[in-house]
Amino acid sequence: MSNWILCSMFCTGLIYGLTYLLPRWVLFVPLKLHLSYACQILPLVGSALVVNFNLHLVLVSIDRYCCVLYPFQYNMARAPIITRCAIVFVWLISFFMASIPLFTFLVPKIGICGIQLNSRSFHIYTLVTFILLFYLPLFILCIVYTRILWIVNIHTQRRDQILARHESVPTSIVRRNLRAITYMMILIGLFMVFWLPTMIHYLVLFPTIHLGIDDRAIVIGKIVRYISLAYPAINPLLYAYFTPCIRSEIYRIFARTLCTNAYKNNRSVWPEYS
């Protein structure tokens, strides 16, 4: 079931790059998007996809938790259906939360985009959204993975005790669970490394951000923003690496390319033997 969630995260990364990064940070001025409705809509799309990333990580942690605690129920026939419904719910809730301002205090109007996005109402909404759908899920992630690691540690100690009595026990399942948990922790750790600086920076500036910020805060904001914007480029690579079939195919293509290049080089050096 984790592959379904990772695949959905991969799609989130692609959509984030195409519908937010490209128009907001590359084409915004050349296409004069600041004079259109896109000026109000694009920031909300970006926040929706950031929340979407985070909620996908929550799904991954819940998936690993169920796999470790309830291994028999985890493979039941309706489990994939539950996973797909959860993915659809994540997409709906993230974009529903992002659309709330468009029907309340941020009704798109051409020419007043800057005033609307710097209003106190918009900053309060942004803070509440990130607390409910970013900081709170991250806190849940820490609790869930602490619980998982504690359970896995107990299972490992029991397995070692059984092995010490010279009894046969399959270790492949434990090994596979540990590997999957390690992969998911890497995903969550990288997400926090890329996004937490931006979120903390916004949280610190929140009390006075509507009044303006100084030059030093602007420079720091640009640095942490560029770090966070790099995550969608990393996410598809992580998905490819953590998906066994894709990883093996990449290794196969890479090995075949190396062998082909080595063969061509040998023919150019020793043409009389080719």
C-alpha atoms as a PDB file:
ATOM      1  CA  MET A   1       0.000   0.000   0.000  1.00  0.00           C
ATOM      2  CA  SER A   2       2.947   2.343   0.554  1.00  0.00           C
ATOM      3  CA  ASN A   3       3.602   2.376  -3.193  1.00  0.00           C
ATOM      4  CA  TRP A   4       0.190   3.937  -3.824  1.00  0.00           C
ATOM      5  CA  ILE A   5       0.974   6.703  -1.338  1.00  0.00           C
ATOM      6  CA  LEU A   6       4.475   7.285  -2.727  1.00  0.00           C
ATOM      7  CA  CYS A   7       3.057   7.407  -6.254  1.00  0.00           C
ATOM      8  CA  SER A   8       0.554  10.043  -5.144  1.00  0.00           C
ATOM      9  CA  MET A   9       3.392  12.024  -3.532  1.00  0.00           C
ATOM     10  CA  PHE A  10       5.300  11.796  -6.806  1.00  0.00           C
ATOM     11  CA  CYS A  11       2.289  13.301  -8.604  1.00  0.00           C
ATOM     12  CA  THR A  12       2.109  16.039  -5.973  1.00  0.00           C
ATOM     13  CA  GLY A  13       5.719  16.958  -6.718  1.00  0.00           C
ATOM     14  CA  LEU A  14       5.044  17.177 -10.453  1.00  0.00           C
ATOM     15  CA  ILE A  15       1.902  19.257  -9.963  1.00  0.00           C
ATOM     16  CA  TYR A  16       3.719  21.523  -7.497  1.00  0.00           C
ATOM     17  CA  GLY A  17       6.417  22.261 -10.052  1.00  0.00           C
ATOM     18  CA  LEU A  18       4.057  22.785 -12.998  1.00  0.00           C
ATOM     19  CA  THR A  19       1.215  24.693 -11.326  1.00  0.00           C
ATOM     20  CA  TYR A  20       3.086  26.664  -8.650  1.00  0.00           C
ATOM     21  CA  LEU A  21       6.864  26.880  -9.023  1.00  0.00           C
ATOM     22  CA  LEU A  22       6.896  27.592 -12.749  1.00  0.00           C
ATOM     23  CA  PRO A  23       4.115  30.209 -12.911  1.00  0.00           C
ATOM     24  CA  ARG A  24       4.820  31.755  -9.484  1.00  0.00           C
ATOM     25  CA  TRP A  25       8.611  32.071  -9.537  1.00  0.00           C
ATOM     26  CA  VAL A  26       9.561  31.922 -13.231  1.00  0.00           C
ATOM     27  CA  LEU A  27       6.692  33.246 -15.363  1.00  0.00           C
ATOM     28  CA  PHE A  28       5.041  35.557 -12.825  1.00  0.00           C
ATOM     29  CA  VAL A  29       6.601  38.823 -14.050  1.00  0.00           C
ATOM     30  CA  PRO A  30       7.125  37.985 -17.776  1.00  0.00           C
ATOM     31  CA  LEU A  31       3.463  36.976 -18.182  1.00  0.00           C
ATOM     32  CA  LYS A  32       2.279  39.825 -15.902  1.00  0.00           C
ATOM     33  CA  LEU A  33       0.428  37.375 -13.687  1.00  0.00           C
ATOM     34  CA  HIS A  34       0.464  39.928 -10.873  1.00  0.00           C
ATOM     35  CA  LEU A  35      -2.199  41.774 -12.865  1.00  0.00           C
ATOM     36  CA  SER A  36      -4.492  38.734 -13.073  1.00  0.00           C
ATOM     37  CA  TYR A  37      -6.477  36.451 -10.786  1.00  0.00           C
ATOM     38  CA  ALA A  38      -3.450  34.157 -10.648  1.00  0.00           C
ATOM     39  CA  CYS A  39      -1.864  36.558  -8.166  1.00  0.00           C
ATOM     40  CA  GLN A  40      -4.369  35.521  -5.476  1.00  0.00           C
ATOM     41  CA  ILE A  41      -4.798  31.911  -6.566  1.00  0.00           C
ATOM     42  CA  LEU A  42      -1.173  30.769  -6.940  1.00  0.00           C
ATOM     43  CA  PRO A  43      -0.158  31.270  -3.258  1.00  0.00           C
ATOM     44  CA  LEU A  44      -3.167  29.205  -2.197  1.00  0.00           C
ATOM     45  CA  VAL A  45      -2.260  26.450  -4.661  1.00  0.00           C
ATOM     46  CA  GLY A  46       1.258  26.381  -3.216  1.00  0.00           C
ATOM     47  CA  SER A  47       0.050  26.130   0.384  1.00  0.00           C
ATOM     48  CA  ALA A  48      -2.436  23.398  -0.598  1.00  0.00           C
ATOM     49  CA  LEU A  49       0.312  21.281  -2.148  1.00  0.00           C
ATOM     50  CA  VAL A  50       2.643  21.788   0.827  1.00  0.00           C
ATOM     51  CA  VAL A  51      -0.123  20.570   3.125  1.00  0.00           C
ATOM     52  CA  ASN A  52      -0.727  17.742   0.648  1.00  0.00           C
ATOM     53  CA  PHE A  53       2.914  16.644   0.969  1.00  0.00           C
ATOM     54  CA  ASN A  54       2.670  16.630   4.738  1.00  0.00           C
ATOM     55  CA  LEU A  55      -0.597  14.677   4.877  1.00  0.00           C
ATOM     56  CA  HIS A  56       0.872  12.071   2.528  1.00  0.00           C
ATOM     57  CA  LEU A  57       3.688  11.571   5.022  1.00  0.00           C
ATOM     58  CA  VAL A  58       1.051  11.043   7.714  1.00  0.00           C
ATOM     59  CA  LEU A  59      -0.528   8.356   5.524  1.00  0.00           C
ATOM     60  CA  VAL A  60       2.870   6.707   5.093  1.00  0.00           C
ATOM     61  CA  SER A  61       3.457   6.632   8.850  1.00  0.00           C
ATOM     62  CA  ILE A  62      -0.014   5.197   9.497  1.00  0.00           C
ATOM     63  CA  ASP A  63       0.634   2.589   6.796  1.00  0.00           C
ATOM     64  CA  ARG A  64       3.892   1.520   8.463  1.00  0.00           C
ATOM     65  CA  TYR A  65       2.225   1.535  11.877  1.00  0.00           C
ATOM     66  CA  CYS A  66      -0.536  -0.829  10.689  1.00  0.00           C
ATOM     67  CA  CYS A  67       2.019  -3.024   8.921  1.00  0.00           C
ATOM     68  CA  VAL A  68       4.024  -3.506  12.126  1.00  0.00           C
ATOM     69  CA  LEU A  69       1.169  -3.785  14.635  1.00  0.00           C
ATOM     70  CA  TYR A  70      -1.454  -5.578  12.532  1.00  0.00           C
ATOM     71  CA  PRO A  71       0.426  -7.588   9.875  1.00  0.00           C
ATOM     72  CA  PHE A  72      -2.470  -9.968   9.143  1.00  0.00           C
ATOM     73  CA  GLN A  73      -5.136  -7.276   8.781  1.00  0.00           C
ATOM     74  CA  TYR A  74      -2.658  -5.189   6.760  1.00  0.00           C
ATOM     75  CA  ASN A  75      -2.832  -7.647   3.848  1.00  0.00           C
ATOM     76  CA  MET A  76      -6.594  -8.052   3.842  1.00  0.00           C
ATOM     77  CA  ALA A  77      -8.475  -7.666   0.558  1.00  0.00           C
ATOM     78  CA  ARG A  78     -10.028  -4.294   1.338  1.00  0.00           C
ATOM     79  CA  ALA A  79      -6.779  -2.659   2.498  1.00  0.00           C
ATOM     80  CA  PRO A  80      -5.896  -1.232  -0.964  1.00  0.00           C
ATOM     81  CA  ILE A  81      -9.390   0.290  -1.209  1.00  0.00           C
ATOM     82  CA  ILE A  82      -8.952   1.971   2.188  1.00  0.00           C
ATOM     83  CA  THR A  83      -5.568   3.314   1.087  1.00  0.00           C
ATOM     84  CA  ARG A  84      -6.960   4.809  -2.123  1.00  0.00           C
ATOM     85  CA  CYS A  85      -9.869   6.409  -0.263  1.00  0.00           C
ATOM     86  CA  ALA A  86      -7.406   7.926   2.220  1.00  0.00           C
ATOM     87  CA  ILE A  87      -5.335   9.349  -0.657  1.00  0.00           C
ATOM     88  CA  VAL A  88      -8.437  10.907  -2.230  1.00  0.00           C
ATOM     89  CA  PHE A  89      -9.381  12.385   1.156  1.00  0.00           C
ATOM     90  CA  VAL A  90      -5.908  13.950   1.512  1.00  0.00           C
ATOM     91  CA  TRP A  91      -6.244  15.645  -1.874  1.00  0.00           C
ATOM     92  CA  LEU A  92      -9.748  16.891  -1.098  1.00  0.00           C
ATOM     93  CA  ILE A  93      -8.975  18.253   2.384  1.00  0.00           C
ATOM     94  CA  SER A  94      -5.801  20.063   1.280  1.00  0.00           C
ATOM     95  CA  PHE A  95      -7.488  21.876  -1.613  1.00  0.00           C
ATOM     96  CA  PHE A  96     -10.675  22.495   0.360  1.00  0.00           C
ATOM     97  CA  MET A  97      -8.674  24.306   3.032  1.00  0.00           C
ATOM     98  CA  ALA A  98      -6.856  26.313   0.352  1.00  0.00           C
ATOM     99  CA  SER A  99     -10.114  27.361  -1.334  1.00  0.00           C
ATOM    100  CA  ILE A 100     -11.731  28.800   1.809  1.00  0.00           C
ATOM    101  CA  PRO A 101     -10.200  32.308   1.404  1.00  0.00           C
ATOM    102  CA  LEU A 102     -11.417  32.576  -2.201  1.00  0.00           C
ATOM    103  CA  PHE A 103     -15.018  32.494  -0.977  1.00  0.00           C
ATOM    104  CA  THR A 104     -14.566  34.634   2.142  1.00  0.00           C
ATOM    105  CA  PHE A 105     -11.956  37.374   2.647  1.00  0.00           C
ATOM    106  CA  LEU A 106      -9.752  36.836  -0.451  1.00  0.00           C
ATOM    107  CA  VAL A 107     -12.232  37.130  -3.303  1.00  0.00           C
ATOM    108  CA  PRO A 108     -10.011  37.633  -6.374  1.00  0.00           C
ATOM    109  CA  LYS A 109      -9.933  41.226  -7.600  1.00  0.00           C
ATOM    110  CA  ILE A 110      -7.465  42.540 -10.136  1.00  0.00           C
ATOM    111  CA  GLY A 111      -5.188  45.310  -8.900  1.00  0.00           C
ATOM    112  CA  ILE A 112      -5.359  44.736  -5.130  1.00  0.00           C
ATOM    113  CA  CYS A 113      -3.500  41.417  -4.912  1.00  0.00           C
ATOM    114  CA  GLY A 114      -0.632  42.774  -2.793  1.00  0.00           C
ATOM    115  CA  ILE A 115      -3.012  44.387  -0.303  1.00  0.00           C
ATOM    116  CA  GLN A 116      -5.073  41.201   0.047  1.00  0.00           C
ATOM    117  CA  LEU A 117      -2.075  38.889   0.506  1.00  0.00           C
ATOM    118  CA  ASN A 118      -0.581  41.188   3.153  1.00  0.00           C
ATOM    119  CA  SER A 119      -3.805  41.559   5.115  1.00  0.00           C
ATOM    120  CA  ARG A 120      -4.018  40.413   8.707  1.00  0.00           C
ATOM    121  CA  SER A 121      -6.860  38.041   7.817  1.00  0.00           C
ATOM    122  CA  PHE A 122      -4.766  36.196   5.238  1.00  0.00           C
ATOM    123  CA  HIS A 123      -1.800  35.796   7.595  1.00  0.00           C
ATOM    124  CA  ILE A 124      -4.054  34.493  10.385  1.00  0.00           C
ATOM    125  CA  TYR A 125      -5.607  31.999   7.973  1.00  0.00           C
ATOM    126  CA  THR A 126      -2.156  30.866   6.789  1.00  0.00           C
ATOM    127  CA  LEU A 127      -0.930  30.382  10.365  1.00  0.00           C
ATOM    128  CA  VAL A 128      -4.025  28.418  11.436  1.00  0.00           C
ATOM    129  CA  THR A 129      -3.824  26.224   8.334  1.00  0.00           C
ATOM    130  CA  PHE A 130      -0.180  25.368   8.886  1.00  0.00           C
ATOM    131  CA  ILE A 131      -0.717  24.687  12.602  1.00  0.00           C
ATOM    132  CA  LEU A 132      -3.604  22.303  11.899  1.00  0.00           C
ATOM    133  CA  LEU A 133      -2.244  20.641   8.759  1.00  0.00           C
ATOM    134  CA  PHE A 134       1.540  21.000   9.102  1.00  0.00           C
ATOM    135  CA  TYR A 135       2.804  21.288  12.674  1.00  0.00           C
ATOM    136  CA  LEU A 136       0.146  19.017  14.208  1.00  0.00           C
ATOM    137  CA  PRO A 137       0.695  16.213  11.647  1.00  0.00           C
ATOM    138  CA  LEU A 138       4.462  16.476  12.165  1.00  0.00           C
ATOM    139  CA  PHE A 139       3.912  16.063  15.901  1.00  0.00           C
ATOM    140  CA  ILE A 140       1.760  12.998  15.201  1.00  0.00           C
ATOM    141  CA  LEU A 141       4.485  11.622  12.919  1.00  0.00           C
ATOM    142  CA  CYS A 142       7.058  11.843  15.709  1.00  0.00           C
ATOM    143  CA  ILE A 143       4.749  10.025  18.139  1.00  0.00           C
ATOM    144  CA  VAL A 144       3.833   7.292  15.636  1.00  0.00           C
ATOM    145  CA  TYR A 145       7.415   6.566  14.618  1.00  0.00           C
ATOM    146  CA  THR A 146       8.593   6.556  18.210  1.00  0.00           C
ATOM    147  CA  ARG A 147       5.930   3.925  18.915  1.00  0.00           C
ATOM    148  CA  ILE A 148       6.909   1.921  15.807  1.00  0.00           C
ATOM    149  CA  LEU A 149      10.601   1.910  16.686  1.00  0.00           C
ATOM    150  CA  TRP A 150       9.796   0.842  20.251  1.00  0.00           C
ATOM    151  CA  ILE A 151       7.686  -2.085  18.985  1.00  0.00           C
ATOM    152  CA  VAL A 152      10.284  -3.116  16.396  1.00  0.00           C
ATOM    153  CA  ASN A 153      12.974  -3.020  19.081  1.00  0.00           C
ATOM    154  CA  ILE A 154      10.897  -5.352  21.288  1.00  0.00           C
ATOM    155  CA  HIS A 155      10.317  -7.735  18.371  1.00  0.00           C
ATOM    156  CA  THR A 156      14.034  -7.720  17.562  1.00  0.00           C
ATOM    157  CA  GLN A 157      14.950  -8.551  21.162  1.00  0.00           C
ATOM    158  CA  ARG A 158      12.460 -11.440  21.179  1.00  0.00           C
ATOM    159  CA  ARG A 159      13.844 -12.738  17.897  1.00  0.00           C
ATOM    160  CA  ASP A 160      17.384 -12.614  19.275  1.00  0.00           C
ATOM    161  CA  GLN A 161      16.273 -14.533  22.351  1.00  0.00           C
ATOM    162  CA  ILE A 162      14.717 -17.226  20.168  1.00  0.00           C
ATOM    163  CA  LEU A 163      17.846 -17.443  18.029  1.00  0.00           C
ATOM    164  CA  ALA A 164      19.922 -17.757  21.181  1.00  0.00           C
ATOM    165  CA  ARG A 165      17.948 -20.921  21.999  1.00  0.00           C
ATOM    166  CA  HIS A 166      18.873 -22.291  18.533  1.00  0.00           C
ATOM    167  CA  GLU A 167      15.356 -22.226  17.228  1.00  0.00           C
ATOM    168  CA  SER A 168      14.625 -21.385  13.607  1.00  0.00           C
ATOM    169  CA  VAL A 169      12.693 -18.191  12.975  1.00  0.00           C
ATOM    170  CA  PRO A 170      12.164 -16.269   9.728  1.00  0.00           C
ATOM    171  CA  THR A 171      13.912 -12.908   9.890  1.00  0.00           C
ATOM    172  CA  SER A 172      12.970 -11.647   6.418  1.00  0.00           C
ATOM    173  CA  ILE A 173       9.748 -10.001   7.642  1.00  0.00           C
ATOM    174  CA  VAL A 174      11.505  -8.143  10.444  1.00  0.00           C
ATOM    175  CA  ARG A 175      14.273  -7.083   8.070  1.00  0.00           C
ATOM    176  CA  ARG A 176      11.757  -5.897   5.491  1.00  0.00           C
ATOM    177  CA  ASN A 177       9.830  -3.892   8.082  1.00  0.00           C
ATOM    178  CA  LEU A 178      13.000  -2.264   9.360  1.00  0.00           C
ATOM    179  CA  ARG A 179      14.042  -1.352   5.815  1.00  0.00           C
ATOM    180  CA  ALA A 180      10.632   0.137   5.020  1.00  0.00           C
ATOM    181  CA  ILE A 181      10.594   2.099   8.280  1.00  0.00           C
ATOM    182  CA  THR A 182      14.080   3.428   7.546  1.00  0.00           C
ATOM    183  CA  TYR A 183      12.987   4.593   4.094  1.00  0.00           C
ATOM    184  CA  MET A 184       9.942   6.350   5.475  1.00  0.00           C
ATOM    185  CA  MET A 185      11.969   8.052   8.205  1.00  0.00           C
ATOM    186  CA  ILE A 186      14.367   9.345   5.552  1.00  0.00           C
ATOM    187  CA  LEU A 187      11.406  10.758   3.608  1.00  0.00           C
ATOM    188  CA  ILE A 188      10.015  12.495   6.679  1.00  0.00           C
ATOM    189  CA  GLY A 189      13.445  13.709   7.782  1.00  0.00           C
ATOM    190  CA  LEU A 190      14.180  15.298   4.400  1.00  0.00           C
ATOM    191  CA  PHE A 191      10.738  16.896   4.310  1.00  0.00           C
ATOM    192  CA  MET A 192      11.376  18.480   7.701  1.00  0.00           C
ATOM    193  CA  VAL A 193      14.881  19.631   6.703  1.00  0.00           C
ATOM    194  CA  PHE A 194      13.553  21.343   3.581  1.00  0.00           C
ATOM    195  CA  TRP A 195      10.331  22.826   4.957  1.00  0.00           C
ATOM    196  CA  LEU A 196      10.727  23.476   8.688  1.00  0.00           C
ATOM    197  CA  PRO A 197      13.092  26.473   8.266  1.00  0.00           C
ATOM    198  CA  THR A 198      10.494  28.247   6.121  1.00  0.00           C
ATOM    199  CA  MET A 199       7.663  27.443   8.513  1.00  0.00           C
ATOM    200  CA  ILE A 200       9.638  28.517  11.574  1.00  0.00           C
ATOM    201  CA  HIS A 201      10.717  31.727   9.829  1.00  0.00           C
ATOM    202  CA  TYR A 202       7.087  32.565   9.046  1.00  0.00           C
ATOM    203  CA  LEU A 203       6.034  31.719  12.596  1.00  0.00           C
ATOM    204  CA  VAL A 204       8.667  34.080  14.038  1.00  0.00           C
ATOM    205  CA  LEU A 205       7.658  36.931  11.710  1.00  0.00           C
ATOM    206  CA  PHE A 206       3.917  36.408  12.113  1.00  0.00           C
ATOM    207  CA  PRO A 207       3.224  38.981  14.892  1.00  0.00           C
ATOM    208  CA  THR A 208       4.498  41.900  12.781  1.00  0.00           C
ATOM    209  CA  ILE A 209       4.591  40.573   9.211  1.00  0.00           C
ATOM    210  CA  HIS A 210       1.601  42.682   8.126  1.00  0.00           C
ATOM    211  CA  LEU A 211       3.535  45.814   9.155  1.00  0.00           C
ATOM    212  CA  GLY A 212       6.512  44.983   6.958  1.00  0.00           C
ATOM    213  CA  ILE A 213       9.850  43.212   7.491  1.00  0.00           C
ATOM    214  CA  ASP A 214      13.438  44.430   7.536  1.00  0.00           C
ATOM    215  CA  ASP A 215      16.164  43.644   4.991  1.00  0.00           C
ATOM    216  CA  ARG A 216      17.765  40.905   7.076  1.00  0.00           C
ATOM    217  CA  ALA A 217      14.460  39.057   7.411  1.00  0.00           C
ATOM    218  CA  ILE A 218      13.945  39.391   3.647  1.00  0.00           C
ATOM    219  CA  VAL A 219      17.349  37.817   2.920  1.00  0.00           C
ATOM    220  CA  ILE A 220      16.739  34.971   5.379  1.00  0.00           C
ATOM    221  CA  GLY A 221      13.288  34.479   3.895  1.00  0.00           C
ATOM    222  CA  LYS A 222      14.712  34.125   0.387  1.00  0.00           C
ATOM    223  CA  ILE A 223      17.283  31.566   1.526  1.00  0.00           C
ATOM    224  CA  VAL A 224      14.818  29.331   3.381  1.00  0.00           C
ATOM    225  CA  ARG A 225      12.290  29.721   0.568  1.00  0.00           C
ATOM    226  CA  TYR A 226      14.757  28.458  -2.044  1.00  0.00           C
ATOM    227  CA  ILE A 227      15.589  25.519   0.229  1.00  0.00           C
ATOM    228  CA  SER A 228      11.907  24.607   0.549  1.00  0.00           C
ATOM    229  CA  LEU A 229      11.270  25.044  -3.176  1.00  0.00           C
ATOM    230  CA  ALA A 230      13.974  22.471  -3.900  1.00  0.00           C
ATOM    231  CA  TYR A 231      11.982  19.701  -2.203  1.00  0.00           C
ATOM    232  CA  PRO A 232       9.625  18.989  -5.134  1.00  0.00           C
ATOM    233  CA  ALA A 233      12.694  18.331  -7.298  1.00  0.00           C
ATOM    234  CA  ILE A 234      14.033  15.885  -4.711  1.00  0.00           C
ATOM    235  CA  ASN A 235      10.714  14.114  -4.112  1.00  0.00           C
ATOM    236  CA  PRO A 236      10.475  12.270  -7.494  1.00  0.00           C
ATOM    237  CA  LEU A 237      14.070  11.074  -7.059  1.00  0.00           C
ATOM    238  CA  LEU A 238      13.203   9.741  -3.609  1.00  0.00           C
ATOM    239  CA  TYR A 239      10.131   8.014  -5.014  1.00  0.00           C
ATOM    240  CA  ALA A 240      12.229   6.361  -7.735  1.00  0.00           C
ATOM    241  CA  TYR A 241      14.840   5.193  -5.230  1.00  0.00           C
ATOM    242  CA  PHE A 242      12.398   3.857  -2.633  1.00  0.00           C
ATOM    243  CA  THR A 243      10.300   1.932  -5.183  1.00  0.00           C
ATOM    244  CA  PRO A 244      12.086  -1.420  -5.728  1.00  0.00           C
ATOM    245  CA  CYS A 245      10.932  -2.040  -9.313  1.00  0.00           C
ATOM    246  CA  ILE A 246      11.901   1.465 -10.452  1.00  0.00           C
ATOM    247  CA  ARG A 247      15.208   1.324  -8.566  1.00  0.00           C
ATOM    248  CA  SER A 248      16.158  -2.022 -10.116  1.00  0.00           C
ATOM    249  CA  GLU A 249      15.262  -0.753 -13.589  1.00  0.00           C
ATOM    250  CA  ILE A 250      17.425   2.349 -13.088  1.00  0.00           C
ATOM    251  CA  TYR A 251      20.327   0.163 -11.929  1.00  0.00           C
ATOM    252  CA  ARG A 252      19.858  -2.098 -14.962  1.00  0.00           C
ATOM    253  CA  ILE A 253      19.862   0.806 -17.431  1.00  0.00           C
ATOM    254  CA  PHE A 254      22.854   2.403 -15.696  1.00  0.00           C
ATOM    255  CA  ALA A 255      24.818  -0.867 -15.747  1.00  0.00           C
ATOM    256  CA  ARG A 256      23.972  -1.476 -19.415  1.00  0.00           C
ATOM    257  CA  THR A 257      25.094   2.075 -20.286  1.00  0.00           C
ATOM    258  CA  LEU A 258      28.391   1.593 -18.462  1.00  0.00           C
ATOM    259  CA  CYS A 259      29.022  -1.724 -20.223  1.00  0.00           C
ATOM    260  CA  THR A 260      28.215  -0.202 -23.622  1.00  0.00           C
ATOM    261  CA  ASN A 261      30.563   2.740 -23.039  1.00  0.00           C
ATOM    262  CA  ALA A 262      33.326   0.427 -21.823  1.00  0.00           C
ATOM    263  CA  TYR A 263      32.915  -1.763 -24.919  1.00  0.00           C
ATOM    264  CA  LYS A 264      33.107   1.251 -27.243  1.00  0.00           C
ATOM    265  CA  ASN A 265      36.208   2.538 -25.463  1.00  0.00           C
ATOM    266  CA  ASN A 266      37.923  -0.845 -25.787  1.00  0.00           C
ATOM    267  CA  ARG A 267      37.161  -0.962 -29.508  1.00  0.00           C
ATOM    268  CA  SER A 268      38.631   2.500 -30.009  1.00  0.00           C
ATOM    269  CA  VAL A 269      41.810   1.576 -28.112  1.00  0.00           C
ATOM    270  CA  TRP A 270      42.254  -1.926 -29.597  1.00  0.00           C
ATOM    271  CA  PRO A 271      40.610  -1.760 -33.069  1.00  0.00           C
ATOM    272  CA  GLU A 272      42.591  -4.730 -34.413  1.00  0.00           C
ATOM    273  CA  TYR A 273      40.910  -7.041 -31.855  1.00  0.00           C
ATOM    274  CA  SER A 274      37.373  -5.849 -32.569  1.00  0.00           C
END
